[in-house]
């Protein structure tokens, strides 16, 4: 039978094992476990060539490695975004709303749809955008980016279509309205440890922090209290 100390050690090991997520479609800029808490998961440079993506509704697919995590996606319309600030407003100062509601997923593969052309920020056929997914499984915000060129009428690969949209079925009820854009956001700030996170507090992305209630995190806390 496990002792309390053994249980705590096992929980801590499990929380390390299930600590990340991957952005599988469209393909992310890159993946590095250690750098995922940084801006764009530690890959700050735009990938070339950009991947074609639908100007209308198109799917995003992630693989969640936590028992429970909170997710949101947002975009930059800059051709070369270099920090979180570039996801707040367009070059002419228009606030960019979130690309998805804030929602939760369990462990496993999930898809959700985004309608980038419908965000009201002047996107059209040939527009270049960067989409960033923010993910929190209870151990801090993690990020992945993908660089896209929007194509009107683009045909999504048949194996990537998303009929069970996780962002619609698992949207959180705790979000509040952003004063800058009217998008649903949490009233908090992104991880201070993420590179390039300082700057303007305006826009849909600035001041979004995901509140997750991961099961592993709860077990760690309970085991720690029992040892006191």
Protein backbone atom coordinates (compact mmCIF):
# COMPACT_ATOMS: atom_id res chain seq x y z
CA UNK A 1 0.00 0.00 0.00
CA UNK A 2 1.29 3.48 -0.88
CA UNK A 3 2.32 5.74 1.98
CA UNK A 4 1.18 9.38 1.87
CA UNK A 5 4.66 10.44 0.80
CA UNK A 6 4.63 7.88 -2.00
CA UNK A 7 1.21 9.14 -3.11
CA UNK A 8 2.45 12.72 -3.24
CA UNK A 9 5.54 11.70 -5.20
CA UNK A 10 3.38 9.75 -7.65
CA UNK A 11 1.05 12.71 -8.12
CA UNK A 12 3.94 15.06 -8.75
CA UNK A 13 5.38 12.65 -11.30
CA UNK A 14 2.00 12.34 -13.02
CA UNK A 15 1.57 16.12 -13.17
CA UNK A 16 4.93 16.36 -14.92
CA UNK A 17 4.06 13.58 -17.36
CA UNK A 18 0.74 15.15 -18.40
CA UNK A 19 2.01 18.69 -18.64
CA UNK A 20 1.61 19.71 -22.27
CA UNK A 21 -0.43 19.72 -25.46
CA UNK A 22 0.24 19.64 -29.17
CA UNK A 23 -1.30 21.62 -32.02
CA UNK A 24 -1.70 19.03 -34.78
CA UNK A 25 -3.79 20.83 -37.43
CA UNK A 26 -2.85 23.20 -38.85
CA UNK A 27 0.71 22.15 -38.04
CA UNK A 28 2.36 24.20 -35.31
CA UNK A 29 5.63 26.09 -35.78
CA UNK A 30 7.32 23.49 -33.62
CA UNK A 31 7.13 21.68 -30.29
CA UNK A 32 9.48 21.83 -27.33
CA UNK A 33 8.29 20.60 -23.92
CA UNK A 34 10.49 22.96 -21.96
CA UNK A 35 9.61 26.09 -23.93
CA UNK A 36 5.85 25.69 -24.27
CA UNK A 37 5.17 28.31 -21.55
CA UNK A 38 6.84 30.92 -23.77
CA UNK A 39 5.36 33.03 -26.55
CA UNK A 40 4.38 30.70 -29.44
CA UNK A 41 5.77 27.74 -27.51
CA UNK A 42 9.32 29.04 -27.82
CA UNK A 43 9.18 29.40 -31.62
CA UNK A 44 9.00 33.18 -32.19
CA UNK A 45 9.68 33.21 -35.95
CA UNK A 46 7.03 32.92 -38.66
CA UNK A 47 7.14 29.57 -40.47
CA UNK A 48 7.49 29.73 -44.25
CA UNK A 49 5.60 28.95 -46.35
CA UNK A 50 2.39 29.73 -44.50
CA UNK A 51 -0.21 26.98 -44.51
CA UNK A 52 -3.43 27.52 -46.51
CA UNK A 53 -6.53 27.80 -44.33
CA UNK A 54 -10.17 28.63 -44.87
CA UNK A 55 -11.23 32.29 -44.81
CA UNK A 56 -14.58 30.96 -43.56
CA UNK A 57 -15.04 28.20 -41.03
CA UNK A 58 -12.04 25.92 -40.60
CA UNK A 59 -10.97 23.29 -38.04
CA UNK A 60 -8.22 23.35 -35.42
CA UNK A 61 -7.10 20.06 -33.86
CA UNK A 62 -5.16 19.65 -30.62
CA UNK A 63 -4.03 16.70 -28.49
CA UNK A 64 -4.49 17.38 -24.77
CA UNK A 65 -2.18 15.60 -22.33
CA UNK A 66 -3.99 16.72 -19.16
CA UNK A 67 -6.99 15.15 -17.47
CA UNK A 68 -8.70 18.54 -17.70
CA UNK A 69 -7.51 21.77 -19.33
CA UNK A 70 -8.87 25.13 -20.42
CA UNK A 71 -8.28 26.37 -23.97
CA UNK A 72 -8.73 29.52 -26.04
CA UNK A 73 -7.47 30.58 -29.50
CA UNK A 74 -6.67 34.06 -30.82
CA UNK A 75 -5.01 35.55 -33.88
CA UNK A 76 -2.58 38.23 -35.01
CA UNK A 77 -3.06 39.98 -38.35
CA UNK A 78 0.58 41.11 -38.40
CA UNK A 79 2.73 39.53 -41.12
CA UNK A 80 5.51 39.13 -38.55
CA UNK A 81 4.16 39.06 -34.99
CA UNK A 82 6.88 39.18 -32.36
CA UNK A 83 5.02 39.33 -29.03
CA UNK A 84 1.65 38.84 -27.37
CA UNK A 85 0.90 42.52 -28.02
CA UNK A 86 0.57 41.76 -31.74
CA UNK A 87 -2.49 39.65 -30.93
CA UNK A 88 -4.34 42.55 -29.31
CA UNK A 89 -5.03 44.91 -32.21
CA UNK A 90 -4.60 45.23 -35.96
CA UNK A 91 -2.11 47.67 -37.50
CA UNK A 92 -4.83 50.34 -37.61
CA UNK A 93 -5.73 49.89 -33.95
CA UNK A 94 -8.83 47.69 -34.30
CA UNK A 95 -9.22 45.34 -31.34
CA UNK A 96 -9.06 41.66 -32.34
CA UNK A 97 -11.70 39.47 -30.68
CA UNK A 98 -10.94 35.94 -29.53
CA UNK A 99 -11.16 33.32 -32.25
CA UNK A 100 -12.99 30.94 -29.88
CA UNK A 101 -14.85 31.04 -26.58
CA UNK A 102 -12.91 29.85 -23.56
CA UNK A 103 -13.59 26.12 -23.23
CA UNK A 104 -12.41 23.00 -21.45
CA UNK A 105 -11.19 19.63 -22.72
CA UNK A 106 -10.22 16.36 -21.10
CA UNK A 107 -7.23 14.23 -22.09
CA UNK A 108 -7.19 13.18 -25.73
CA UNK A 109 -7.64 14.58 -29.23
CA UNK A 110 -10.13 17.42 -29.79
CA UNK A 111 -11.13 19.67 -32.65
CA UNK A 112 -12.85 23.04 -32.75
CA UNK A 113 -13.87 25.36 -35.56
CA UNK A 114 -12.85 28.98 -36.10
CA UNK A 115 -14.35 31.51 -38.52
CA UNK A 116 -11.48 33.94 -38.99
CA UNK A 117 -13.17 35.88 -41.78
CA UNK A 118 -16.11 36.54 -39.47
CA UNK A 119 -14.06 38.24 -36.74
CA UNK A 120 -14.69 41.68 -38.24
CA UNK A 121 -11.05 42.75 -38.56
CA UNK A 122 -10.91 43.15 -42.35
CA UNK A 123 -9.55 39.74 -43.34
CA UNK A 124 -9.96 38.72 -46.98
CA UNK A 125 -8.70 36.23 -49.55
CA UNK A 126 -4.89 36.09 -49.22
CA UNK A 127 -4.70 37.64 -45.74
CA UNK A 128 -1.83 36.39 -43.59
CA UNK A 129 -2.53 35.61 -39.95
CA UNK A 130 -0.93 33.76 -37.07
CA UNK A 131 -3.18 31.70 -34.81
CA UNK A 132 -2.04 31.03 -31.25
CA UNK A 133 -3.62 28.48 -28.91
CA UNK A 134 -3.39 29.08 -25.17
CA UNK A 135 -3.79 26.01 -22.94
CA UNK A 136 -3.79 25.63 -19.15
CA UNK A 137 -3.97 22.21 -17.53
CA UNK A 138 -3.37 23.57 -14.04
CA UNK A 139 0.39 24.17 -14.22
CA UNK A 140 0.41 27.50 -16.05
CA UNK A 141 -0.31 28.78 -19.54
CA UNK A 142 1.18 26.93 -22.52
CA UNK A 143 1.23 28.14 -26.13
CA UNK A 144 1.42 26.89 -29.71
CA UNK A 145 1.37 28.96 -32.92
CA UNK A 146 0.61 28.25 -36.56
CA UNK A 147 1.09 30.63 -39.51
CA UNK A 148 -1.71 30.73 -42.08
CA UNK A 149 -2.72 32.29 -45.38
CA UNK A 150 -6.49 32.56 -45.71
CA UNK A 151 -8.08 31.24 -48.90
CA UNK A 152 -11.69 31.90 -49.83
CA UNK A 153 -13.40 28.58 -50.59
CA UNK A 154 -10.41 26.52 -49.41
CA UNK A 155 -11.26 22.80 -49.22
CA UNK A 156 -10.35 21.37 -45.83
CA UNK A 157 -8.86 17.84 -46.03
CA UNK A 158 -11.68 15.37 -45.41
CA UNK A 159 -9.84 13.78 -42.47
CA UNK A 160 -9.61 17.15 -40.70
CA UNK A 161 -13.27 18.22 -40.72
CA UNK A 162 -14.68 18.96 -37.27
CA UNK A 163 -18.26 17.92 -36.55
CA UNK A 164 -17.92 17.58 -32.76
CA UNK A 165 -16.75 21.08 -31.88
CA UNK A 166 -15.23 21.09 -28.37
CA UNK A 167 -15.45 24.89 -28.11
CA UNK A 168 -19.25 24.75 -28.39
CA UNK A 169 -19.94 21.76 -26.17
CA UNK A 170 -17.45 22.68 -23.42
CA UNK A 171 -17.49 26.49 -23.30
CA UNK A 172 -16.94 27.76 -19.76
CA UNK A 173 -19.58 29.82 -18.00
CA UNK A 174 -17.11 31.88 -15.95
CA UNK A 175 -15.94 34.25 -18.68
CA UNK A 176 -16.62 37.98 -18.60
CA UNK A 177 -16.96 40.58 -21.32
CA UNK A 178 -13.81 42.30 -22.56
CA UNK A 179 -14.10 46.08 -22.29
CA UNK A 180 -11.93 46.46 -25.37
CA UNK A 181 -13.71 44.29 -27.91
CA UNK A 182 -16.79 42.66 -26.45
CA UNK A 183 -15.23 39.20 -26.69
CA UNK A 184 -15.56 36.72 -23.84
CA UNK A 185 -12.39 36.72 -21.75
CA UNK A 186 -11.27 36.15 -18.18
CA UNK A 187 -10.25 39.30 -16.35
CA UNK A 188 -6.63 38.40 -15.64
CA UNK A 189 -3.24 38.54 -17.32
CA UNK A 190 -1.23 35.99 -19.30
CA UNK A 191 1.68 34.25 -17.65
CA UNK A 192 4.24 36.82 -16.58
CA UNK A 193 6.99 34.31 -17.30
CA UNK A 194 6.08 34.06 -20.97
CA UNK A 195 8.53 35.93 -23.15
CA UNK A 196 7.22 39.09 -24.80
CA UNK A 197 4.14 39.24 -22.58
CA UNK A 198 4.67 42.79 -21.32
CA UNK A 199 2.97 45.77 -22.88
CA UNK A 200 -0.52 46.99 -23.71
CA UNK A 201 -3.49 45.67 -21.74
CA UNK A 202 -6.00 46.41 -24.51
CA UNK A 203 -7.53 43.92 -26.92
CA UNK A 204 -9.08 40.49 -26.65
CA UNK A 205 -5.96 38.49 -25.83
CA UNK A 206 -4.30 40.81 -23.29
CA UNK A 207 -5.61 39.91 -19.86
CA UNK A 208 -6.73 36.38 -20.66
CA UNK A 209 -5.75 33.77 -18.11
CA UNK A 210 -7.26 30.33 -18.12
CA UNK A 211 -8.71 28.99 -14.88
CA UNK A 212 -8.31 25.21 -14.92
CA UNK A 213 -9.32 22.65 -12.31
CA UNK A 214 -7.11 19.75 -13.39
CA UNK A 215 -7.64 16.52 -11.46
CA UNK A 216 -3.93 15.87 -11.04
CA UNK A 217 -3.38 19.32 -9.56
CA UNK A 218 -6.17 18.66 -7.06
CA UNK A 219 -4.62 15.32 -6.05
CA UNK A 220 -1.26 16.98 -5.48
CA UNK A 221 -2.83 19.61 -3.25
CA UNK A 222 -4.82 17.04 -1.26
CA UNK A 223 -1.79 14.81 -0.76
CA UNK A 224 0.29 17.78 0.36
CA UNK A 225 -2.30 18.77 2.98
CA UNK A 226 -2.44 15.23 4.33
CA UNK A 227 1.30 15.29 4.92
CA UNK A 228 1.15 18.44 7.06
